Each structure stands twice: as structure tokens, then as C-alpha cells.
Protein backbone atom coordinates (compact mmCIF):
# COMPACT_ATOMS: atom_id res chain seq x y z
CA UNK A 1 55.60 -11.47 122.35
CA UNK A 2 52.44 -9.45 122.91
CA UNK A 3 53.35 -7.12 120.05
CA UNK A 4 53.96 -10.06 117.71
CA UNK A 5 50.60 -11.51 118.73
CA UNK A 6 48.85 -8.26 117.80
CA UNK A 7 50.61 -8.04 114.43
CA UNK A 8 49.89 -11.63 113.38
CA UNK A 9 46.46 -12.32 114.80
CA UNK A 10 43.36 -12.61 112.62
CA UNK A 11 41.07 -9.72 113.62
CA UNK A 12 38.05 -11.98 113.07
CA UNK A 13 39.12 -14.86 115.31
CA UNK A 14 41.37 -12.83 117.64
CA UNK A 15 44.35 -15.18 117.38
CA UNK A 16 47.25 -16.00 115.00
CA UNK A 17 46.91 -18.83 112.46
CA UNK A 18 50.43 -20.07 111.58
CA UNK A 19 48.87 -23.01 109.70
CA UNK A 20 47.78 -20.51 107.03
CA UNK A 21 51.28 -19.16 106.44
CA UNK A 22 52.29 -21.48 103.58
CA UNK A 23 49.02 -20.91 101.73
CA UNK A 24 49.49 -17.15 102.07
CA UNK A 25 53.05 -17.34 100.77
CA UNK A 26 51.87 -19.36 97.76
CA UNK A 27 49.12 -16.83 97.09
CA UNK A 28 51.62 -13.96 97.11
CA UNK A 29 53.97 -15.90 94.82
CA UNK A 30 51.22 -16.50 92.27
CA UNK A 31 50.20 -12.86 92.45
CA UNK A 32 53.76 -11.81 91.60
CA UNK A 33 53.78 -14.17 88.63
CA UNK A 34 50.62 -12.61 87.24
CA UNK A 35 52.18 -9.14 87.42
CA UNK A 36 55.30 -10.12 85.49
CA UNK A 37 55.82 -9.51 81.78
CA UNK A 38 57.70 -11.68 79.26
CA UNK A 39 61.42 -11.63 79.98
CA UNK A 40 61.19 -10.15 83.49
CA UNK A 41 62.30 -13.34 85.22
CA UNK A 42 64.76 -16.13 84.49
CA UNK A 43 62.01 -18.74 84.37
CA UNK A 44 60.03 -16.57 81.95
CA UNK A 45 62.64 -16.79 79.25
CA UNK A 46 61.42 -14.54 76.42
CA UNK A 47 63.80 -12.66 74.17
CA UNK A 48 62.92 -9.36 72.53
CA UNK A 49 62.96 -9.37 68.75
CA UNK A 50 62.08 -5.76 68.00
CA UNK A 51 61.48 -3.61 66.19
CA UNK A 52 63.19 -1.23 68.58
CA UNK A 53 62.60 1.98 66.63
CA UNK A 54 58.80 1.74 66.36
CA UNK A 55 56.32 2.14 69.20
CA UNK A 56 53.03 0.33 69.59
CA UNK A 57 51.55 -3.09 70.22
CA UNK A 58 51.77 -6.25 68.12
CA UNK A 59 48.52 -8.18 67.97
CA UNK A 60 48.93 -10.26 64.79
CA UNK A 61 51.85 -12.64 64.27
CA UNK A 62 52.41 -15.57 61.89
CA UNK A 63 55.37 -17.73 60.95
CA UNK A 64 55.61 -17.98 57.17
CA UNK A 65 54.25 -21.45 56.29
CA UNK A 66 56.38 -21.45 53.12
CA UNK A 67 59.69 -20.96 54.95
CA UNK A 68 61.23 -24.40 55.60
CA UNK A 69 63.71 -22.86 58.06
CA UNK A 70 60.84 -21.54 60.20
CA UNK A 71 62.60 -18.19 60.61
CA UNK A 72 60.47 -15.81 58.55
CA UNK A 73 57.78 -14.05 60.60
CA UNK A 74 55.02 -11.58 59.78
CA UNK A 75 53.80 -9.22 62.50
CA UNK A 76 51.06 -6.60 62.44
CA UNK A 77 50.88 -3.52 64.63
CA UNK A 78 47.58 -2.16 65.88
CA UNK A 79 49.04 1.30 65.48
CA UNK A 80 49.62 0.58 61.83
CA UNK A 81 51.50 -1.55 59.37
CA UNK A 82 52.40 -5.13 58.48
CA UNK A 83 56.05 -6.04 59.04
CA UNK A 84 58.22 -9.01 58.12
CA UNK A 85 61.44 -10.38 59.64
CA UNK A 86 63.41 -12.89 57.56
CA UNK A 87 65.30 -14.37 60.53
CA UNK A 88 63.53 -14.14 63.86
CA UNK A 89 66.31 -16.19 65.50
CA UNK A 90 68.82 -13.39 64.89
CA UNK A 91 68.51 -10.57 67.40
CA UNK A 92 70.25 -8.20 64.98
CA UNK A 93 67.87 -8.88 62.11
CA UNK A 94 65.67 -6.02 60.92
CA UNK A 95 61.94 -5.68 60.34
CA UNK A 96 60.77 -4.41 56.98
CA UNK A 97 57.41 -2.86 56.21
CA UNK A 98 55.26 -4.87 53.80
CA UNK A 99 53.99 -3.03 50.73
CA UNK A 100 50.47 -2.12 51.78
CA UNK A 101 48.87 0.97 53.40
CA UNK A 102 51.02 1.70 56.46
CA UNK A 103 48.34 3.49 58.46
CA UNK A 104 46.09 0.44 58.80
CA UNK A 105 45.69 -1.19 62.20
CA UNK A 106 46.50 -4.89 61.74
CA UNK A 107 44.46 -7.19 63.98
CA UNK A 108 44.97 -10.73 62.64
CA UNK A 109 46.85 -12.67 59.95
CA UNK A 110 46.46 -16.29 58.82
CA UNK A 111 46.87 -18.55 55.77
CA UNK A 112 44.92 -21.14 53.79
CA UNK A 113 46.00 -24.69 54.77
CA UNK A 114 45.15 -25.89 51.25
CA UNK A 115 47.26 -23.22 49.57
CA UNK A 116 49.92 -21.72 51.81
CA UNK A 117 50.59 -18.92 49.33
CA UNK A 118 47.18 -17.46 50.19
CA UNK A 119 47.28 -15.18 53.23
CA UNK A 120 44.37 -13.32 54.82
CA UNK A 121 44.84 -10.13 56.81
CA UNK A 122 42.32 -8.44 59.09
CA UNK A 123 42.49 -4.72 59.82
CA UNK A 124 41.07 -2.57 62.58
CA UNK A 125 40.92 -3.10 66.33
CA UNK A 126 37.30 -2.63 67.27
CA UNK A 127 37.41 -2.80 71.06
CA UNK A 128 40.08 -0.12 71.40
CA UNK A 129 38.99 2.29 68.65
CA UNK A 130 42.19 4.28 68.69
CA UNK A 131 43.39 6.82 66.18
CA UNK A 132 44.15 4.17 63.52
CA UNK A 133 41.12 2.85 61.69
CA UNK A 134 40.58 -0.44 59.89
CA UNK A 135 39.69 -1.06 56.27
CA UNK A 136 38.24 -4.55 55.98
CA UNK A 137 39.84 -7.85 54.94
CA UNK A 138 42.91 -8.13 52.69
CA UNK A 139 44.31 -11.08 50.75
CA UNK A 140 47.65 -12.09 49.27
CA UNK A 141 48.02 -14.90 46.72
CA UNK A 142 51.82 -14.76 46.54
CA UNK A 143 52.90 -15.45 50.10
CA UNK A 144 52.54 -11.91 51.40
CA UNK A 145 54.40 -10.01 48.69
CA UNK A 146 51.33 -8.19 47.37
CA UNK A 147 47.95 -7.47 48.94
CA UNK A 148 44.49 -6.43 47.82
CA UNK A 149 41.31 -5.71 49.73
CA UNK A 150 38.64 -8.35 49.11
CA UNK A 151 35.96 -7.65 51.71
CA UNK A 152 34.68 -4.60 53.52
CA UNK A 153 35.79 -1.02 53.66
CA UNK A 154 33.80 2.20 53.97
CA UNK A 155 30.71 1.92 51.77
CA UNK A 156 29.23 5.41 51.99
CA UNK A 157 29.35 8.91 53.40
CA UNK A 158 29.32 9.52 57.13
CA UNK A 159 25.88 10.75 58.15
CA UNK A 160 24.45 12.21 61.33
CA UNK A 161 21.65 10.08 62.71
CA UNK A 162 18.82 11.76 64.58
CA UNK A 163 15.61 10.71 66.30
CA UNK A 164 13.54 12.77 63.86
CA UNK A 165 13.02 13.11 60.15
CA UNK A 166 11.50 15.87 58.05
CA UNK A 167 9.49 14.80 55.02
CA UNK A 168 8.76 17.37 52.32
CA UNK A 169 5.36 16.48 50.85
CA UNK A 170 5.29 19.29 48.27
CA UNK A 171 6.36 20.81 45.92
CA UNK A 172 7.52 17.84 43.88
CA UNK A 173 10.91 19.36 43.06
CA UNK A 174 12.14 18.95 46.66
CA UNK A 175 10.05 16.07 48.02
CA UNK A 176 11.88 13.54 50.17
CA UNK A 177 13.35 13.00 53.62
CA UNK A 178 15.66 15.49 55.31
CA UNK A 179 17.79 15.23 58.42
CA UNK A 180 16.79 17.37 61.40
CA UNK A 181 17.57 17.59 65.11
CA UNK A 182 15.31 18.21 68.09
CA UNK A 183 15.27 20.77 70.90
CA UNK A 184 16.00 20.44 74.60
CA UNK A 185 12.81 22.36 75.33
CA UNK A 186 9.19 22.11 74.24
CA UNK A 187 7.05 18.99 73.77
CA UNK A 188 8.24 15.66 72.39
CA UNK A 189 7.48 15.25 68.68
CA UNK A 190 5.45 12.28 67.47
CA UNK A 191 4.11 13.57 64.15
CA UNK A 192 3.09 16.99 62.88
CA UNK A 193 2.19 18.22 59.38
CA UNK A 194 1.86 21.79 58.16
CA UNK A 195 2.80 24.49 55.67
CA UNK A 196 6.04 26.44 56.02
CA UNK A 197 5.98 30.22 56.39
CA UNK A 198 9.08 32.42 56.68
CA UNK A 199 9.14 34.48 59.87
CA UNK A 200 9.49 38.29 59.74
CA UNK A 201 10.16 40.47 62.78
CA UNK A 202 10.58 43.72 60.83
CA UNK A 203 14.22 44.19 61.89
CA UNK A 204 17.38 44.44 59.79
CA UNK A 205 17.62 40.64 60.07
CA UNK A 206 13.91 39.82 59.86
CA UNK A 207 14.15 36.04 59.44
CA UNK A 208 16.13 35.52 62.66
CA UNK A 209 12.93 36.15 64.64
CA UNK A 210 14.71 37.76 67.58
CA UNK A 211 11.86 40.23 68.05
CA UNK A 212 8.07 40.10 68.04
CA UNK A 213 6.93 38.87 64.62
CA UNK A 214 5.08 41.23 62.30
CA UNK A 215 3.48 38.60 60.01
CA UNK A 216 1.30 36.90 62.61
CA UNK A 217 -1.60 36.30 60.24
CA UNK A 218 0.63 34.32 57.88
CA UNK A 219 2.40 32.44 60.67
CA UNK A 220 -0.71 31.46 62.64
CA UNK A 221 -1.61 27.79 62.21
CA UNK A 222 1.55 27.05 60.20
CA UNK A 223 5.16 26.00 60.80
CA UNK A 224 7.44 29.02 61.12
CA UNK A 225 10.82 29.04 59.37
CA UNK A 226 13.52 31.06 61.16
CA UNK A 227 17.25 31.38 60.67
CA UNK A 228 19.85 30.77 63.36
CA UNK A 229 21.48 34.03 64.41
CA UNK A 230 21.91 36.63 67.12
CA UNK A 231 19.48 35.45 69.79
CA UNK A 232 18.77 32.23 71.64
CA UNK A 233 16.80 29.36 70.19
CA UNK A 234 14.31 29.78 73.01
CA UNK A 235 13.67 33.42 72.02
CA UNK A 236 13.07 32.51 68.38
CA UNK A 237 10.65 29.71 69.19
CA UNK A 238 8.82 31.80 71.80
CA UNK A 239 8.29 34.64 69.32
CA UNK A 240 6.96 32.19 66.72
CA UNK A 241 4.69 30.58 69.31
CA UNK A 242 3.30 33.99 70.30
CA UNK A 243 2.51 34.58 66.62
CA UNK A 244 0.43 31.38 66.50
CA UNK A 245 2.92 28.94 64.93
CA UNK A 246 2.32 25.21 65.49
CA UNK A 247 6.04 24.38 65.19
CA UNK A 248 9.35 26.01 64.26
CA UNK A 249 11.98 25.00 61.70
CA UNK A 250 15.35 26.63 62.45
CA UNK A 251 17.79 26.83 59.52
CA UNK A 252 21.44 26.54 60.56
CA UNK A 253 23.77 29.38 59.56
CA UNK A 254 26.98 27.34 59.41
CA UNK A 255 27.97 24.53 57.08
CA UNK A 256 27.63 21.02 58.46
CA UNK A 257 25.01 18.86 60.12
CA UNK A 258 22.28 20.43 62.23
CA UNK A 259 22.76 20.68 65.98
CA UNK A 260 20.38 20.19 68.88
CA UNK A 261 18.56 23.32 70.01
CA UNK A 262 19.69 24.11 73.53
CA UNK A 263 17.81 26.12 76.11
CA UNK A 264 15.04 25.87 78.67
CA UNK A 265 11.61 27.48 78.89
CA UNK A 266 8.65 25.69 80.43
CA UNK A 267 6.21 28.08 78.72
CA UNK A 268 7.06 26.81 75.24
CA UNK A 269 4.33 24.44 74.08
CA UNK A 270 5.23 23.92 70.40
CA UNK A 271 7.97 21.66 69.00
CA UNK A 272 11.05 22.99 67.22
CA UNK A 273 13.73 21.43 65.04
CA UNK A 274 16.88 22.41 63.13
CA UNK A 275 17.88 21.62 59.55
CA UNK A 276 21.29 22.09 57.93
CA UNK A 277 22.21 25.32 56.18
CA UNK A 278 22.40 23.65 52.76
CA UNK A 279 19.11 21.76 52.94
CA UNK A 280 17.40 24.68 54.66
CA UNK A 281 18.39 27.00 51.81
CA UNK A 282 16.96 24.51 49.30
CA UNK A 283 13.63 24.50 51.11
CA UNK A 284 13.54 28.29 51.58
CA UNK A 285 13.99 28.80 47.84
CA UNK A 286 10.67 27.01 47.31
CA UNK A 287 8.60 28.80 49.97
CA UNK A 288 6.83 30.97 47.39
CA UNK A 289 5.63 27.76 45.71
CA UNK A 290 4.11 26.47 48.95
CA UNK A 291 6.07 23.93 50.99
CA UNK A 292 4.21 21.33 53.05
CA UNK A 293 6.16 19.11 55.44
CA UNK A 294 5.70 16.35 57.99
CA UNK A 295 7.95 15.96 61.02
CA UNK A 296 8.07 12.42 62.43
CA UNK A 297 9.86 10.64 65.25
CA UNK A 298 12.33 7.90 64.26
CA UNK A 299 13.16 4.89 66.42
CA UNK A 300 16.93 4.60 65.90
CA UNK A 301 19.57 3.23 68.31
CA UNK A 302 22.12 5.54 66.66
CA UNK A 303 20.31 8.82 67.30
CA UNK A 304 22.61 11.74 67.99
CA UNK A 305 25.67 10.07 66.43
CA UNK A 306 27.76 10.21 63.29
CA UNK A 307 27.53 6.83 61.53
CA UNK A 308 30.09 5.60 59.00
CA UNK A 309 28.80 2.57 57.07
CA UNK A 310 30.88 -0.40 56.02
CA UNK A 311 32.97 -3.26 57.38
CA UNK A 312 36.13 -1.75 58.83
CA UNK A 313 37.13 -3.84 61.86
CA UNK A 314 38.10 -7.51 61.56
CA UNK A 315 38.39 -9.17 64.98
CA UNK A 316 39.46 -12.63 63.81
CA UNK A 317 39.90 -14.89 60.76
CA UNK A 318 39.93 -18.68 60.55
CA UNK A 319 40.35 -20.83 57.43
CA UNK A 320 38.82 -24.31 57.70
CA UNK A 321 39.84 -27.28 55.54
CA UNK A 322 36.60 -28.94 54.38
CA UNK A 323 38.27 -31.66 52.31
CA UNK A 324 38.99 -32.16 48.64
CA UNK A 325 41.47 -29.29 48.66
CA UNK A 326 38.72 -26.81 49.50
CA UNK A 327 38.59 -24.26 52.29
CA UNK A 328 36.05 -22.05 54.06
CA UNK A 329 37.05 -18.62 55.35
CA UNK A 330 35.31 -17.31 58.47
CA UNK A 331 35.62 -13.66 59.47
CA UNK A 332 34.50 -12.04 62.73
CA UNK A 333 33.49 -8.48 61.85
CA UNK A 334 33.34 -5.97 64.69
CA UNK A 335 32.15 -2.43 65.16
CA UNK A 336 33.64 0.54 66.94
CA UNK A 337 33.05 4.08 68.10
CA UNK A 338 34.87 7.24 69.14
CA UNK A 339 33.17 8.27 72.38
CA UNK A 340 35.41 11.25 73.08
CA UNK A 341 34.02 13.11 70.10
CA UNK A 342 30.82 15.11 70.24
CA UNK A 343 28.66 13.80 68.75
CA UNK A 344 29.89 10.21 69.10
CA UNK A 345 31.21 8.62 65.90
CA UNK A 346 30.02 5.07 65.19
CA UNK A 347 31.86 2.78 62.74
CA UNK A 348 30.35 -0.33 61.19
CA UNK A 349 27.51 -0.56 63.71
CA UNK A 350 25.08 -1.89 61.11
CA UNK A 351 27.31 -4.47 59.43
CA UNK A 352 29.03 -6.39 62.22
CA UNK A 353 28.63 -10.16 62.51
CA UNK A 354 30.13 -13.49 61.44
CA UNK A 355 30.75 -13.88 57.70
CA UNK A 356 31.75 -16.87 55.58
CA UNK A 357 33.20 -17.45 52.12
CA UNK A 358 33.61 -20.81 50.37
CA UNK A 359 35.28 -19.43 47.22
CA UNK A 360 38.47 -17.83 48.60
CA UNK A 361 36.81 -14.50 49.35
CA UNK A 362 35.06 -13.87 46.03
CA UNK A 363 31.65 -13.70 47.73
CA UNK A 364 30.47 -13.62 51.33
CA UNK A 365 27.38 -14.53 53.32
CA UNK A 366 26.53 -13.73 56.91
CA UNK A 367 26.28 -16.64 59.34
CA UNK A 368 23.26 -16.08 61.56
CA UNK A 369 24.11 -16.39 65.25
CA UNK A 370 21.80 -16.36 68.30
CA UNK A 371 20.75 -12.87 69.38
CA UNK A 372 20.30 -11.13 72.72
CA UNK A 373 16.98 -11.07 74.55
CA UNK A 374 16.43 -7.66 72.92
CA UNK A 375 17.00 -9.35 69.51
CA UNK A 376 20.30 -7.54 68.95
CA UNK A 377 23.28 -9.26 67.35
CA UNK A 378 26.34 -10.15 69.37
CA UNK A 379 29.72 -8.89 68.19
CA UNK A 380 31.90 -11.92 67.30
CA UNK A 381 35.37 -11.55 68.75
CA UNK A 382 37.19 -14.89 68.52
CA UNK A 383 36.87 -17.86 66.15
CA UNK A 384 38.40 -21.27 66.83
CA UNK A 385 38.36 -24.58 64.94
CA UNK A 386 37.87 -27.64 67.15
CA UNK A 387 39.67 -30.96 66.75
CA UNK A 388 36.52 -32.30 65.08
CA UNK A 389 36.59 -29.34 62.61
CA UNK A 390 33.70 -27.61 64.39
CA UNK A 391 33.66 -23.81 64.26
CA UNK A 392 33.48 -22.12 67.67
CA UNK A 393 32.70 -18.41 68.06
CA UNK A 394 32.89 -16.22 71.16
CA UNK A 395 31.63 -12.68 71.57
CA UNK A 396 33.04 -9.67 73.38
CA UNK A 397 29.71 -8.69 74.92
């Protein structure tokens, strides 16, 4: 009896509470229900309908509104592809891929209540950002037989966004803005203007500035240009600083975007930046003509990231009947990112929001929603139509 008392007593009150037993049993029962999946219990009577030879999750599903037998079903996989089953009631029936790009992540599918031959399909799954990307909104006007993209997609080249920009003021043949990256050492850049001078250390690779510079009189009071190479960034910048440079422009020696200059030296008092190999070569070709530049700080929330522009991820679609045989299409456009890459890759981070079309997707306008206290847009995640035909929108953060 004493042992049972010890095992059943509440450590707070110091005694058992048998009156709580039924409530505890009910709590455990409900917890078990939550942990179950469809078909794992007799009361949870779901039947699998495949496909059994394809892995992945199904997020989008729609019964064909044109099938009077209510057996034809469309399903979209977030790992790619739109599929159709002509008899969902038959466990032996097969799923067939619909004729559209198979590597698209399908997030949502719906139809126009005023014309059930018009289907809308959303691609991309923004909050997961897996290995399968989205490509905007697609439409079918023949009940799902053929599809065409009507909204979104990648609209430009992927660019690397930095917190700095280099402006060439002269000569006129190369004026404009160039992409540069900052250094982990030296002072923070606000704005600096000066003439470019190519460094020379008198070695076999004179422009790498790995040794004491020999053209101090030319470098002094100007911005030194050095090439990435066989010594540390800190060494290059320190040698230019000792020669009297007010800043250093490092030209990358490999193809691709510039990288941040790593290193640490508290004695460095001048700023330094890197430019890509291609753009650096363009500038170096004009040094004899006199190149004047300005380096400025840029206030960008995407600094240090690759940014791909365009609407790629569709979180939800709703088609609203507004009377007279007319419909409005609402689309929740999301954004995404690949955080495991270095630098991080951002997708659609400038275009997300709620969009609307009142002409079956021919043209679109953004619906302005309330913003955060920092005046940033929310990402719309779910759209619902109320019984009074009101549009409701929820966000994912």
C-alpha cells in the first residue's frame, strides 16, 4: 500500500488524487488521436489511392467539376507534377501525368465557378523551399487537358545584392553602377570618391600588391587597384595603406560575383572592396584614361544574398463569383529562400503579395494589405471566400 501511495501521489500536494484519473485517461486518449495518421485506426477510415510508385507529398487536390460521376480527380505533388485519376473509387486505377512541366512543385488547383472548363494551377511551395522550384500561375481553358502560364515566372537574371555600390563617374565609356562587396576589416564605408591607380610592387606579379609598393607617389591620395592573388587581402590593403592610398579596390581573379574580403587587422584604417573579374577588367582597361569612382553604402534588406526576381511561388488561389457570369481571381504570391547555400538565395522577395484579376488572368493588380510596424508587407498564405462573398486572407508571418 505504501509503495502504491508513493507511485500515485501528486508530488505537489503529497497525496493521490483518484478523482483526476478519468480526466487523465481522456487527455491521453486525445493525445493518441492527434498522433494518428489517416487509415491507422478503424474509426479513421481512409483508404489509400496512390500513386504507389512515386514518392512525395500531395498538397493540391480537386475533383473534376465536369465529371458527373464525381470520380475524376486531379492531384499535384510538391515534389513535382500534376496527376489525374479517372476513377478514384477504384483502388486499382492508375494516375497519369498531365501534359505540363513535370518538375514544377504544384501547390494549389481550383476552377472558375462561372466556367468549369477554366482551371487555375499554382506552382511552388514557398514555406518549404525544397529542391523543386515554382514558376508562377498556370491556366487551362479545356478542363485540364492543356496548360499555359499566365502570371509570374522568373523575370530577370539572378544578381548578388550587396550593401555597397561602386559608381564610375568618368570616363563616359564606362560610367554607371557596379556591384562590389565589403571587407571584414577596416572602417565602415559611408561614401568616398577618388581616382583609381593601379598598384605596383615591382615583383613578377606587380598588381597583386603582396609586397611593399614601388609607386607610392602615384598611389598616395588615390584609390589603389590591386588584383586578388597569392597573399591575403589584409596584406594587400596594408601595403596600399602604407603607400598612402585612401581606399583599395580588389579585382577578383575568378569568374563570378565578388566575395567578401576576409581577414582581421586593427591597424588598417582605410576601406577596401572587391569587384568581379569581368567588371574589374573593364575598369582596368580604362585606367590610362583616368577613372574616377564613388563608393557608397546601400540600405538593402537583401545584402549578401543572391536574388532571383519574379513571381515563382503561389500559396493559394480563389475564384470569386461576382455576378452576371463574371469572376475575380485572387492569388496569394509568396517568396522563398535557400538558406543552406552560401550566400543565401532569395526567390521572389520583391514581388510577393496578394494579386487580383477581373479578366480571367489577362491582367493583374496588387491588392494593398496592411503592413507590419516596420512597414513591410506580410506574405499572404491562405485565401478564403466567406458565405457573404467576402474575401479573407491570412498570412504565414
